[in-house]
PDB file of all heavy atoms in Angstrom:
ATOM      1  N   ASP A   1       7.091  -3.086  -9.094  1.00  0.00           N
ATOM      2  CA  ASP A   1       8.438  -2.567  -9.109  1.00  0.00           C
ATOM      3  C   ASP A   1       9.101  -2.885  -7.740  1.00  0.00           C
ATOM      4  O   ASP A   1      10.230  -3.268  -7.634  1.00  0.00           O
ATOM      5  CB  ASP A   1       8.487  -1.129  -9.474  1.00  0.00           C
ATOM      6  CG  ASP A   1       9.923  -0.686  -9.456  1.00  0.00           C
ATOM      7  OD1 ASP A   1      10.672  -1.084 -10.178  1.00  0.00           O
ATOM      8  OD2 ASP A   1      10.193   0.242  -8.612  1.00  0.00           O
ATOM      9  N   CYS A   2       8.306  -2.712  -6.723  1.00  0.00           N
ATOM     10  CA  CYS A   2       8.789  -2.988  -5.315  1.00  0.00           C
ATOM     11  C   CYS A   2       7.587  -2.979  -4.381  1.00  0.00           C
ATOM     12  O   CYS A   2       6.415  -2.816  -4.861  1.00  0.00           O
ATOM     13  CB  CYS A   2       9.688  -1.832  -4.885  1.00  0.00           C
ATOM     14  SG  CYS A   2       8.961  -0.324  -4.741  1.00  0.00           S
ATOM     15  N   ILE A   3       7.789  -3.526  -3.183  1.00  0.00           N
ATOM     16  CA  ILE A   3       6.743  -3.593  -2.187  1.00  0.00           C
ATOM     17  C   ILE A   3       7.118  -2.717  -0.952  1.00  0.00           C
ATOM     18  O   ILE A   3       8.211  -2.727  -0.516  1.00  0.00           O
ATOM     19  CB  ILE A   3       6.637  -5.092  -1.720  1.00  0.00           C
ATOM     20  CG1 ILE A   3       6.255  -5.921  -2.824  1.00  0.00           C
ATOM     21  CG2 ILE A   3       5.742  -5.138  -0.514  1.00  0.00           C
ATOM     22  CD1 ILE A   3       6.226  -7.398  -2.498  1.00  0.00           C
ATOM     23  N   ILE A   4       6.251  -1.817  -0.538  1.00  0.00           N
ATOM     24  CA  ILE A   4       6.300  -0.955   0.580  1.00  0.00           C
ATOM     25  C   ILE A   4       5.231  -1.244   1.583  1.00  0.00           C
ATOM     26  O   ILE A   4       4.047  -1.309   1.194  1.00  0.00           O
ATOM     27  CB  ILE A   4       6.319   0.587   0.141  1.00  0.00           C
ATOM     28  CG1 ILE A   4       7.282   0.892  -0.898  1.00  0.00           C
ATOM     29  CG2 ILE A   4       6.339   1.491   1.316  1.00  0.00           C
ATOM     30  CD1 ILE A   4       6.722   1.227  -2.254  1.00  0.00           C
ATOM     31  N   ILE A   5       5.728  -1.511   2.876  1.00  0.00           N
ATOM     32  CA  ILE A   5       4.715  -1.826   3.846  1.00  0.00           C
ATOM     33  C   ILE A   5       4.606  -0.555   4.684  1.00  0.00           C
ATOM     34  O   ILE A   5       5.484   0.008   5.174  1.00  0.00           O
ATOM     35  CB  ILE A   5       5.334  -2.927   4.658  1.00  0.00           C
ATOM     36  CG1 ILE A   5       5.436  -4.280   3.800  1.00  0.00           C
ATOM     37  CG2 ILE A   5       4.298  -3.333   5.846  1.00  0.00           C
ATOM     38  CD1 ILE A   5       6.298  -5.310   4.361  1.00  0.00           C
ATOM     39  N   ALA A   6       3.245  -0.208   4.935  1.00  0.00           N
ATOM     40  CA  ALA A   6       2.935   1.098   5.545  1.00  0.00           C
ATOM     41  C   ALA A   6       1.736   0.866   6.467  1.00  0.00           C
ATOM     42  O   ALA A   6       1.076  -0.106   6.510  1.00  0.00           O
ATOM     43  CB  ALA A   6       2.640   2.051   4.461  1.00  0.00           C
ATOM     44  N   ASN A   7       1.579   1.939   7.287  1.00  0.00           N
ATOM     45  CA  ASN A   7       0.445   1.999   8.300  1.00  0.00           C
ATOM     46  C   ASN A   7      -0.363   3.178   7.736  1.00  0.00           C
ATOM     47  O   ASN A   7      -0.242   4.389   8.275  1.00  0.00           O
ATOM     48  CB  ASN A   7       0.891   2.142   9.665  1.00  0.00           C
ATOM     49  CG  ASN A   7      -0.274   2.070  10.690  1.00  0.00           C
ATOM     50  OD1 ASN A   7      -1.466   2.021  10.199  1.00  0.00           O
ATOM     51  ND2 ASN A   7       0.039   2.074  11.879  1.00  0.00           N
ATOM     52  N   LEU A   8      -1.194   2.960   6.843  1.00  0.00           N
ATOM     53  CA  LEU A   8      -2.129   3.981   6.310  1.00  0.00           C
ATOM     54  C   LEU A   8      -3.511   4.003   7.033  1.00  0.00           C
ATOM     55  O   LEU A   8      -4.089   4.974   6.929  1.00  0.00           O
ATOM     56  CB  LEU A   8      -2.425   3.785   4.766  1.00  0.00           C
ATOM     57  CG  LEU A   8      -1.110   3.639   3.878  1.00  0.00           C
ATOM     58  CD1 LEU A   8      -1.492   3.380   2.532  1.00  0.00           C
ATOM     59  CD2 LEU A   8      -0.320   4.881   3.997  1.00  0.00           C
ATOM     60  N   SER A   9      -3.776   2.930   7.705  1.00  0.00           N
ATOM     61  CA  SER A   9      -5.087   2.713   8.369  1.00  0.00           C
ATOM     62  C   SER A   9      -5.100   3.291   9.716  1.00  0.00           C
ATOM     63  O   SER A   9      -6.164   3.206  10.400  1.00  0.00           O
ATOM     64  CB  SER A   9      -5.471   1.260   8.256  1.00  0.00           C
ATOM     65  OG  SER A   9      -5.589   0.943   6.812  1.00  0.00           O
ATOM     66  N   GLY A  10      -3.949   3.508  10.362  1.00  0.00           N
ATOM     67  CA  GLY A  10      -3.984   3.882  11.752  1.00  0.00           C
ATOM     68  C   GLY A  10      -4.073   2.734  12.762  1.00  0.00           C
ATOM     69  O   GLY A  10      -4.533   3.003  13.891  1.00  0.00           O
ATOM     70  N   LYS A  11      -3.649   1.551  12.283  1.00  0.00           N
ATOM     71  CA  LYS A  11      -3.743   0.454  13.329  1.00  0.00           C
ATOM     72  C   LYS A  11      -2.479   0.499  14.216  1.00  0.00           C
ATOM     73  O   LYS A  11      -1.680   1.248  14.050  1.00  0.00           O
ATOM     74  CB  LYS A  11      -3.891  -0.818  12.426  1.00  0.00           C
ATOM     75  CG  LYS A  11      -5.108  -1.010  11.577  1.00  0.00           C
ATOM     76  CD  LYS A  11      -5.163  -2.248  10.774  1.00  0.00           C
ATOM     77  CE  LYS A  11      -6.334  -2.333   9.932  1.00  0.00           C
ATOM     78  NZ  LYS A  11      -6.421  -3.589   9.160  1.00  0.00           N
ATOM     79  N   GLU A  12      -2.454  -0.567  15.084  1.00  0.00           N
ATOM     80  CA  GLU A  12      -1.300  -0.656  15.977  1.00  0.00           C
ATOM     81  C   GLU A  12      -0.014  -0.895  15.305  1.00  0.00           C
ATOM     82  O   GLU A  12       1.091  -0.584  15.834  1.00  0.00           O
ATOM     83  CB  GLU A  12      -1.654  -1.752  17.051  1.00  0.00           C
ATOM     84  CG  GLU A  12      -2.707  -1.359  18.141  1.00  0.00           C
ATOM     85  CD  GLU A  12      -2.859  -2.310  19.238  1.00  0.00           C
ATOM     86  OE1 GLU A  12      -2.085  -3.197  19.132  1.00  0.00           O
ATOM     87  OE2 GLU A  12      -3.720  -2.181  19.972  1.00  0.00           O
ATOM     88  N   ARG A  13      -0.003  -1.619  14.091  1.00  0.00           N
ATOM     89  CA  ARG A  13       1.172  -1.894  13.392  1.00  0.00           C
ATOM     90  C   ARG A  13       0.900  -1.768  11.898  1.00  0.00           C
ATOM     91  O   ARG A  13      -0.265  -1.747  11.543  1.00  0.00           O
ATOM     92  CB  ARG A  13       1.638  -3.403  13.743  1.00  0.00           C
ATOM     93  CG  ARG A  13       0.476  -4.332  13.456  1.00  0.00           C
ATOM     94  CD  ARG A  13       0.744  -5.747  14.090  1.00  0.00           C
ATOM     95  NE  ARG A  13       2.079  -6.272  13.631  1.00  0.00           N
ATOM     96  CZ  ARG A  13       2.362  -6.876  12.479  1.00  0.00           C
ATOM     97  NH1 ARG A  13       1.322  -7.098  11.561  1.00  0.00           N
ATOM     98  NH2 ARG A  13       3.475  -7.238  12.094  1.00  0.00           N
ATOM     99  N   ALA A  14       1.956  -1.668  11.101  1.00  0.00           N
ATOM    100  CA  ALA A  14       1.883  -1.475   9.751  1.00  0.00           C
ATOM    101  C   ALA A  14       1.326  -2.765   9.154  1.00  0.00           C
ATOM    102  O   ALA A  14       1.845  -3.826   9.403  1.00  0.00           O
ATOM    103  CB  ALA A  14       3.229  -1.165   9.155  1.00  0.00           C
ATOM    104  N   SER A  15       0.236  -2.749   8.267  1.00  0.00           N
ATOM    105  CA  SER A  15      -0.300  -3.914   7.660  1.00  0.00           C
ATOM    106  C   SER A  15      -0.841  -3.575   6.334  1.00  0.00           C
ATOM    107  O   SER A  15      -1.507  -4.388   5.683  1.00  0.00           O
ATOM    108  CB  SER A  15      -1.354  -4.539   8.595  1.00  0.00           C
ATOM    109  OG  SER A  15      -2.368  -3.621   8.750  1.00  0.00           O
ATOM    110  N   ASP A  16      -0.638  -2.249   5.798  1.00  0.00           N
ATOM    111  CA  ASP A  16      -1.077  -1.960   4.565  1.00  0.00           C
ATOM    112  C   ASP A  16       0.116  -2.128   3.499  1.00  0.00           C
ATOM    113  O   ASP A  16       1.320  -2.143   3.922  1.00  0.00           O
ATOM    114  CB  ASP A  16      -1.537  -0.468   4.476  1.00  0.00           C
ATOM    115  CG  ASP A  16      -2.640  -0.326   5.478  1.00  0.00           C
ATOM    116  OD1 ASP A  16      -3.690  -0.982   5.342  1.00  0.00           O
ATOM    117  OD2 ASP A  16      -2.477   0.573   6.270  1.00  0.00           O
ATOM    118  N   ILE A  17      -0.194  -2.274   2.304  1.00  0.00           N
ATOM    119  CA  ILE A  17       0.741  -2.462   1.226  1.00  0.00           C
ATOM    120  C   ILE A  17       0.718  -1.382   0.107  1.00  0.00           C
ATOM    121  O   ILE A  17      -0.365  -1.079  -0.371  1.00  0.00           O
ATOM    122  CB  ILE A  17       0.662  -3.891   0.724  1.00  0.00           C
ATOM    123  CG1 ILE A  17       0.940  -4.950   1.684  1.00  0.00           C
ATOM    124  CG2 ILE A  17       1.526  -3.990  -0.585  1.00  0.00           C
ATOM    125  CD1 ILE A  17       0.553  -6.238   1.420  1.00  0.00           C
ATOM    126  N   ILE A  18       1.871  -0.881  -0.333  1.00  0.00           N
ATOM    127  CA  ILE A  18       1.920  -0.032  -1.550  1.00  0.00           C
ATOM    128  C   ILE A  18       2.739  -0.744  -2.607  1.00  0.00           C
ATOM    129  O   ILE A  18       3.780  -1.193  -2.398  1.00  0.00           O
ATOM    130  CB  ILE A  18       2.469   1.329  -1.169  1.00  0.00           C
ATOM    131  CG1 ILE A  18       1.646   2.133  -0.089  1.00  0.00           C
ATOM    132  CG2 ILE A  18       2.718   2.193  -2.386  1.00  0.00           C
ATOM    133  CD1 ILE A  18       2.360   3.332   0.484  1.00  0.00           C
ATOM    134  N   LEU A  19       2.110  -0.806  -3.772  1.00  0.00           N
ATOM    135  CA  LEU A  19       2.844  -1.289  -4.931  1.00  0.00           C
ATOM    136  C   LEU A  19       3.045  -0.158  -5.933  1.00  0.00           C
ATOM    137  O   LEU A  19       2.240   0.833  -5.847  1.00  0.00           O
ATOM    138  CB  LEU A  19       2.000  -2.335  -5.668  1.00  0.00           C
ATOM    139  CG  LEU A  19       1.762  -3.686  -4.741  1.00  0.00           C
ATOM    140  CD1 LEU A  19       0.827  -4.674  -5.484  1.00  0.00           C
ATOM    141  CD2 LEU A  19       3.035  -4.329  -4.277  1.00  0.00           C
ATOM    142  N   LYS A  20       3.940  -0.253  -6.840  1.00  0.00           N
ATOM    143  CA  LYS A  20       4.214   0.779  -7.825  1.00  0.00           C
ATOM    144  C   LYS A  20       4.720   0.250  -9.119  1.00  0.00           C
ATOM    145  O   LYS A  20       5.200  -1.033  -9.177  1.00  0.00           O
ATOM    146  CB  LYS A  20       5.302   1.794  -7.334  1.00  0.00           C
ATOM    147  CG  LYS A  20       6.680   1.219  -7.093  1.00  0.00           C
ATOM    148  CD  LYS A  20       7.658   2.326  -6.599  1.00  0.00           C
ATOM    149  CE  LYS A  20       8.041   3.324  -7.557  1.00  0.00           C
ATOM    150  NZ  LYS A  20       9.054   2.820  -8.450  1.00  0.00           N
ATOM    151  N   ASP A  21       4.598   0.950 -10.204  1.00  0.00           N
ATOM    152  CA  ASP A  21       5.300   0.516 -11.465  1.00  0.00           C
ATOM    153  C   ASP A  21       6.602   1.315 -11.449  1.00  0.00           C
ATOM    154  O   ASP A  21       7.152   1.679 -10.512  1.00  0.00           O
ATOM    155  CB  ASP A  21       4.438   0.909 -12.659  1.00  0.00           C
ATOM    156  CG  ASP A  21       4.186   2.493 -12.830  1.00  0.00           C
ATOM    157  OD1 ASP A  21       4.765   3.217 -12.085  1.00  0.00           O
ATOM    158  OD2 ASP A  21       3.358   2.822 -13.706  1.00  0.00           O
ATOM    159  N   ARG A  22       7.209   1.253 -12.535  1.00  0.00           N
ATOM    160  CA  ARG A  22       8.623   1.728 -12.530  1.00  0.00           C
ATOM    161  C   ARG A  22       8.882   3.184 -12.127  1.00  0.00           C
ATOM    162  O   ARG A  22       9.774   3.424 -11.267  1.00  0.00           O
ATOM    163  CB  ARG A  22       9.322   1.525 -13.946  1.00  0.00           C
ATOM    164  CG  ARG A  22      10.765   1.645 -14.100  1.00  0.00           C
ATOM    165  CD  ARG A  22      11.468   0.484 -13.445  1.00  0.00           C
ATOM    166  NE  ARG A  22      12.889   0.462 -13.733  1.00  0.00           N
ATOM    167  CZ  ARG A  22      13.912   0.835 -12.835  1.00  0.00           C
ATOM    168  NH1 ARG A  22      13.469   1.142 -11.646  1.00  0.00           N
ATOM    169  NH2 ARG A  22      15.161   0.810 -13.105  1.00  0.00           N
ATOM    170  N   TYR A  23       8.014   4.065 -12.668  1.00  0.00           N
ATOM    171  CA  TYR A  23       8.382   5.470 -12.392  1.00  0.00           C
ATOM    172  C   TYR A  23       7.091   6.362 -12.086  1.00  0.00           C
ATOM    173  O   TYR A  23       7.329   7.510 -11.623  1.00  0.00           O
ATOM    174  CB  TYR A  23       9.119   6.075 -13.423  1.00  0.00           C
ATOM    175  CG  TYR A  23      10.608   5.674 -13.478  1.00  0.00           C
ATOM    176  CD1 TYR A  23      11.148   4.973 -14.508  1.00  0.00           C
ATOM    177  CD2 TYR A  23      11.504   6.076 -12.427  1.00  0.00           C
ATOM    178  CE1 TYR A  23      12.421   4.574 -14.627  1.00  0.00           C
ATOM    179  CE2 TYR A  23      12.815   5.693 -12.465  1.00  0.00           C
ATOM    180  CZ  TYR A  23      13.307   4.910 -13.598  1.00  0.00           C
ATOM    181  OH  TYR A  23      14.711   4.604 -13.584  1.00  0.00           O
ATOM    182  N   HIS A  24       5.935   5.841 -12.275  1.00  0.00           N
ATOM    183  CA  HIS A  24       4.816   6.856 -12.456  1.00  0.00           C
ATOM    184  C   HIS A  24       3.541   6.545 -11.469  1.00  0.00           C
ATOM    185  O   HIS A  24       2.895   7.572 -11.237  1.00  0.00           O
ATOM    186  CB  HIS A  24       4.259   6.894 -13.934  1.00  0.00           C
ATOM    187  CG  HIS A  24       5.315   7.090 -14.932  1.00  0.00           C
ATOM    188  ND1 HIS A  24       5.984   8.335 -15.066  1.00  0.00           N
ATOM    189  CD2 HIS A  24       5.897   6.301 -15.900  1.00  0.00           C
ATOM    190  CE1 HIS A  24       6.895   8.323 -16.018  1.00  0.00           C
ATOM    191  NE2 HIS A  24       6.806   7.148 -16.647  1.00  0.00           N
ATOM    192  N   ARG A  25       3.318   5.361 -11.109  1.00  0.00           N
ATOM    193  CA  ARG A  25       2.090   5.106 -10.463  1.00  0.00           C
ATOM    194  C   ARG A  25       2.315   4.386  -9.068  1.00  0.00           C
ATOM    195  O   ARG A  25       3.132   3.454  -9.040  1.00  0.00           O
ATOM    196  CB  ARG A  25       1.096   4.363 -11.288  1.00  0.00           C
ATOM    197  CG  ARG A  25       0.636   5.142 -12.569  1.00  0.00           C
ATOM    198  CD  ARG A  25      -0.357   4.284 -13.404  1.00  0.00           C
ATOM    199  NE  ARG A  25       0.499   3.339 -14.126  1.00  0.00           N
ATOM    200  CZ  ARG A  25      -0.034   2.246 -14.717  1.00  0.00           C
ATOM    201  NH1 ARG A  25      -1.295   2.231 -14.995  1.00  0.00           N
ATOM    202  NH2 ARG A  25       0.781   1.290 -15.304  1.00  0.00           N
ATOM    203  N   LEU A  26       1.327   4.595  -8.106  1.00  0.00           N
ATOM    204  CA  LEU A  26       1.291   3.908  -6.946  1.00  0.00           C
ATOM    205  C   LEU A  26      -0.128   3.343  -6.703  1.00  0.00           C
ATOM    206  O   LEU A  26      -1.166   3.957  -7.139  1.00  0.00           O
ATOM    207  CB  LEU A  26       1.636   4.776  -5.672  1.00  0.00           C
ATOM    208  CG  LEU A  26       2.926   5.412  -5.600  1.00  0.00           C
ATOM    209  CD1 LEU A  26       2.907   6.266  -4.229  1.00  0.00           C
ATOM    210  CD2 LEU A  26       4.057   4.490  -5.585  1.00  0.00           C
ATOM    211  N   TRP A  27      -0.183   2.249  -6.012  1.00  0.00           N
ATOM    212  CA  TRP A  27      -1.460   1.639  -5.679  1.00  0.00           C
ATOM    213  C   TRP A  27      -1.305   1.201  -4.049  1.00  0.00           C
ATOM    214  O   TRP A  27      -0.498   0.392  -3.725  1.00  0.00           O
ATOM    215  CB  TRP A  27      -1.730   0.274  -6.366  1.00  0.00           C
ATOM    216  CG  TRP A  27      -1.913   0.549  -7.831  1.00  0.00           C
ATOM    217  CD1 TRP A  27      -3.184   0.619  -8.465  1.00  0.00           C
ATOM    218  CD2 TRP A  27      -1.044   0.640  -8.917  1.00  0.00           C
ATOM    219  NE1 TRP A  27      -3.064   0.915  -9.818  1.00  0.00           N
ATOM    220  CE2 TRP A  27      -1.739   0.805 -10.144  1.00  0.00           C
ATOM    221  CE3 TRP A  27       0.401   0.558  -8.873  1.00  0.00           C
ATOM    222  CZ2 TRP A  27      -1.081   0.892 -11.349  1.00  0.00           C
ATOM    223  CZ3 TRP A  27       1.086   0.638 -10.098  1.00  0.00           C
ATOM    224  CH2 TRP A  27       0.395   0.895 -11.255  1.00  0.00           C
ATOM    225  N   ALA A  28      -2.232   1.855  -3.296  1.00  0.00           N
ATOM    226  CA  ALA A  28      -2.150   1.553  -1.867  1.00  0.00           C
ATOM    227  C   ALA A  28      -3.349   0.608  -1.619  1.00  0.00           C
ATOM    228  O   ALA A  28      -4.571   0.791  -1.967  1.00  0.00           O
ATOM    229  CB  ALA A  28      -2.361   2.900  -1.095  1.00  0.00           C
ATOM    230  N   LEU A  29      -3.024  -0.521  -0.818  1.00  0.00           N
ATOM    231  CA  LEU A  29      -3.948  -1.498  -0.638  1.00  0.00           C
ATOM    232  C   LEU A  29      -3.998  -1.863   0.925  1.00  0.00           C
ATOM    233  O   LEU A  29      -2.971  -1.733   1.620  1.00  0.00           O
ATOM    234  CB  LEU A  29      -3.666  -2.854  -1.422  1.00  0.00           C
ATOM    235  CG  LEU A  29      -3.447  -2.596  -2.782  1.00  0.00           C
ATOM    236  CD1 LEU A  29      -2.095  -2.807  -3.277  1.00  0.00           C
ATOM    237  CD2 LEU A  29      -4.543  -3.501  -3.667  1.00  0.00           C
ATOM    238  N   ASP A  30      -5.130  -2.283   1.467  1.00  0.00           N
ATOM    239  CA  ASP A  30      -5.180  -2.640   2.908  1.00  0.00           C
ATOM    240  C   ASP A  30      -4.793  -4.058   3.028  1.00  0.00           C
ATOM    241  O   ASP A  30      -4.331  -4.734   2.084  1.00  0.00           O
ATOM    242  CB  ASP A  30      -6.551  -2.425   3.524  1.00  0.00           C
ATOM    243  CG  ASP A  30      -7.664  -3.307   2.955  1.00  0.00           C
ATOM    244  OD1 ASP A  30      -7.420  -4.281   2.282  1.00  0.00           O
ATOM    245  OD2 ASP A  30      -8.832  -2.913   3.307  1.00  0.00           O
ATOM    246  N   ASN A  31      -4.858  -4.622   4.177  1.00  0.00           N
ATOM    247  CA  ASN A  31      -4.408  -5.951   4.535  1.00  0.00           C
ATOM    248  C   ASN A  31      -5.149  -6.997   3.868  1.00  0.00           C
ATOM    249  O   ASN A  31      -4.658  -8.183   3.618  1.00  0.00           O
ATOM    250  CB  ASN A  31      -4.491  -6.132   6.073  1.00  0.00           C
ATOM    251  CG  ASN A  31      -3.778  -7.546   6.521  1.00  0.00           C
ATOM    252  OD1 ASN A  31      -4.633  -8.437   6.851  1.00  0.00           O
ATOM    253  ND2 ASN A  31      -2.589  -7.636   6.425  1.00  0.00           N
ATOM    254  N   ASP A  32      -6.378  -6.770   3.392  1.00  0.00           N
ATOM    255  CA  ASP A  32      -7.204  -7.610   2.687  1.00  0.00           C
ATOM    256  C   ASP A  32      -7.005  -7.450   1.147  1.00  0.00           C
ATOM    257  O   ASP A  32      -7.820  -7.963   0.312  1.00  0.00           O
ATOM    258  CB  ASP A  32      -8.623  -7.639   3.070  1.00  0.00           C
ATOM    259  CG  ASP A  32      -8.818  -8.096   4.438  1.00  0.00           C
ATOM    260  OD1 ASP A  32      -8.343  -9.189   4.854  1.00  0.00           O
ATOM    261  OD2 ASP A  32      -9.505  -7.373   5.208  1.00  0.00           O
ATOM    262  N   PHE A  33      -6.127  -6.624   0.799  1.00  0.00           N
ATOM    263  CA  PHE A  33      -5.807  -6.290  -0.709  1.00  0.00           C
ATOM    264  C   PHE A  33      -6.923  -5.532  -1.299  1.00  0.00           C
ATOM    265  O   PHE A  33      -7.013  -5.601  -2.529  1.00  0.00           O
ATOM    266  CB  PHE A  33      -5.448  -7.592  -1.345  1.00  0.00           C
ATOM    267  CG  PHE A  33      -4.042  -7.351  -1.985  1.00  0.00           C
ATOM    268  CD1 PHE A  33      -2.992  -7.290  -1.338  1.00  0.00           C
ATOM    269  CD2 PHE A  33      -3.961  -7.311  -3.477  1.00  0.00           C
ATOM    270  CE1 PHE A  33      -1.750  -7.244  -1.850  1.00  0.00           C
ATOM    271  CE2 PHE A  33      -2.678  -7.255  -4.007  1.00  0.00           C
ATOM    272  CZ  PHE A  33      -1.588  -7.223  -3.290  1.00  0.00           C
ATOM    273  N   ARG A  34      -7.735  -4.730  -0.473  1.00  0.00           N
ATOM    274  CA  ARG A  34      -8.672  -3.882  -1.046  1.00  0.00           C
ATOM    275  C   ARG A  34      -8.034  -2.608  -1.376  1.00  0.00           C
ATOM    276  O   ARG A  34      -7.218  -1.972  -0.561  1.00  0.00           O
ATOM    277  CB  ARG A  34      -9.879  -3.632  -0.119  1.00  0.00           C
ATOM    278  CG  ARG A  34     -10.645  -4.910   0.156  1.00  0.00           C
ATOM    279  CD  ARG A  34     -11.830  -4.526   1.038  1.00  0.00           C
ATOM    280  NE  ARG A  34     -11.309  -4.188   2.367  1.00  0.00           N
ATOM    281  CZ  ARG A  34     -11.696  -4.813   3.511  1.00  0.00           C
ATOM    282  NH1 ARG A  34     -12.519  -5.726   3.456  1.00  0.00           N
ATOM    283  NH2 ARG A  34     -11.190  -4.399   4.703  1.00  0.00           N
ATOM    284  N   LEU A  35      -8.293  -1.999  -2.601  1.00  0.00           N
ATOM    285  CA  LEU A  35      -7.563  -0.776  -3.054  1.00  0.00           C
ATOM    286  C   LEU A  35      -8.109   0.455  -2.160  1.00  0.00           C
ATOM    287  O   LEU A  35      -9.292   0.702  -2.036  1.00  0.00           O
ATOM    288  CB  LEU A  35      -7.980  -0.640  -4.498  1.00  0.00           C
ATOM    289  CG  LEU A  35      -7.247   0.753  -5.159  1.00  0.00           C
ATOM    290  CD1 LEU A  35      -5.739   0.472  -5.223  1.00  0.00           C
ATOM    291  CD2 LEU A  35      -7.932   0.907  -6.623  1.00  0.00           C
ATOM    292  N   LEU A  36      -7.051   1.068  -1.734  1.00  0.00           N
ATOM    293  CA  LEU A  36      -7.474   2.380  -0.825  1.00  0.00           C
ATOM    294  C   LEU A  36      -7.343   3.519  -1.817  1.00  0.00           C
ATOM    295  O   LEU A  36      -8.244   4.400  -1.619  1.00  0.00           O
ATOM    296  CB  LEU A  36      -6.388   2.425   0.336  1.00  0.00           C
ATOM    297  CG  LEU A  36      -6.422   1.307   1.368  1.00  0.00           C
ATOM    298  CD1 LEU A  36      -5.259   1.493   2.236  1.00  0.00           C
ATOM    299  CD2 LEU A  36      -7.791   1.148   2.022  1.00  0.00           C
ATOM    300  N   TRP A  37      -6.353   3.741  -2.510  1.00  0.00           N
ATOM    301  CA  TRP A  37      -6.214   4.863  -3.354  1.00  0.00           C
ATOM    302  C   TRP A  37      -5.097   4.603  -4.386  1.00  0.00           C
ATOM    303  O   TRP A  37      -4.317   3.654  -4.204  1.00  0.00           O
ATOM    304  CB  TRP A  37      -5.972   6.114  -2.647  1.00  0.00           C
ATOM    305  CG  TRP A  37      -4.893   6.132  -1.573  1.00  0.00           C
ATOM    306  CD1 TRP A  37      -5.028   5.925  -0.263  1.00  0.00           C
ATOM    307  CD2 TRP A  37      -3.439   6.223  -1.655  1.00  0.00           C
ATOM    308  NE1 TRP A  37      -3.863   5.998   0.513  1.00  0.00           N
ATOM    309  CE2 TRP A  37      -2.875   6.230  -0.433  1.00  0.00           C
ATOM    310  CE3 TRP A  37      -2.638   6.580  -2.793  1.00  0.00           C
ATOM    311  CZ2 TRP A  37      -1.436   6.260  -0.073  1.00  0.00           C
ATOM    312  CZ3 TRP A  37      -1.305   6.676  -2.578  1.00  0.00           C
ATOM    313  CH2 TRP A  37      -0.642   6.559  -1.333  1.00  0.00           C
ATOM    314  N   THR A  38      -5.045   5.444  -5.369  1.00  0.00           N
ATOM    315  CA  THR A  38      -3.942   5.333  -6.390  1.00  0.00           C
ATOM    316  C   THR A  38      -3.235   6.799  -6.481  1.00  0.00           C
ATOM    317  O   THR A  38      -3.937   7.797  -6.088  1.00  0.00           O
ATOM    318  CB  THR A  38      -4.510   4.883  -7.784  1.00  0.00           C
ATOM    319  OG1 THR A  38      -5.404   5.891  -8.230  1.00  0.00           O
ATOM    320  CG2 THR A  38      -5.016   3.638  -7.685  1.00  0.00           C
TER     321      THR A  38
END
């Protein structure tokens, strides 16, 4: 649905990615696209 760039890992700069469907779910991924949480 959209792309959100975030700093979930506590690095010097934002490099994590959050993806979502239309209204119900999020997927948080690190810079190597490993799933962090949903």
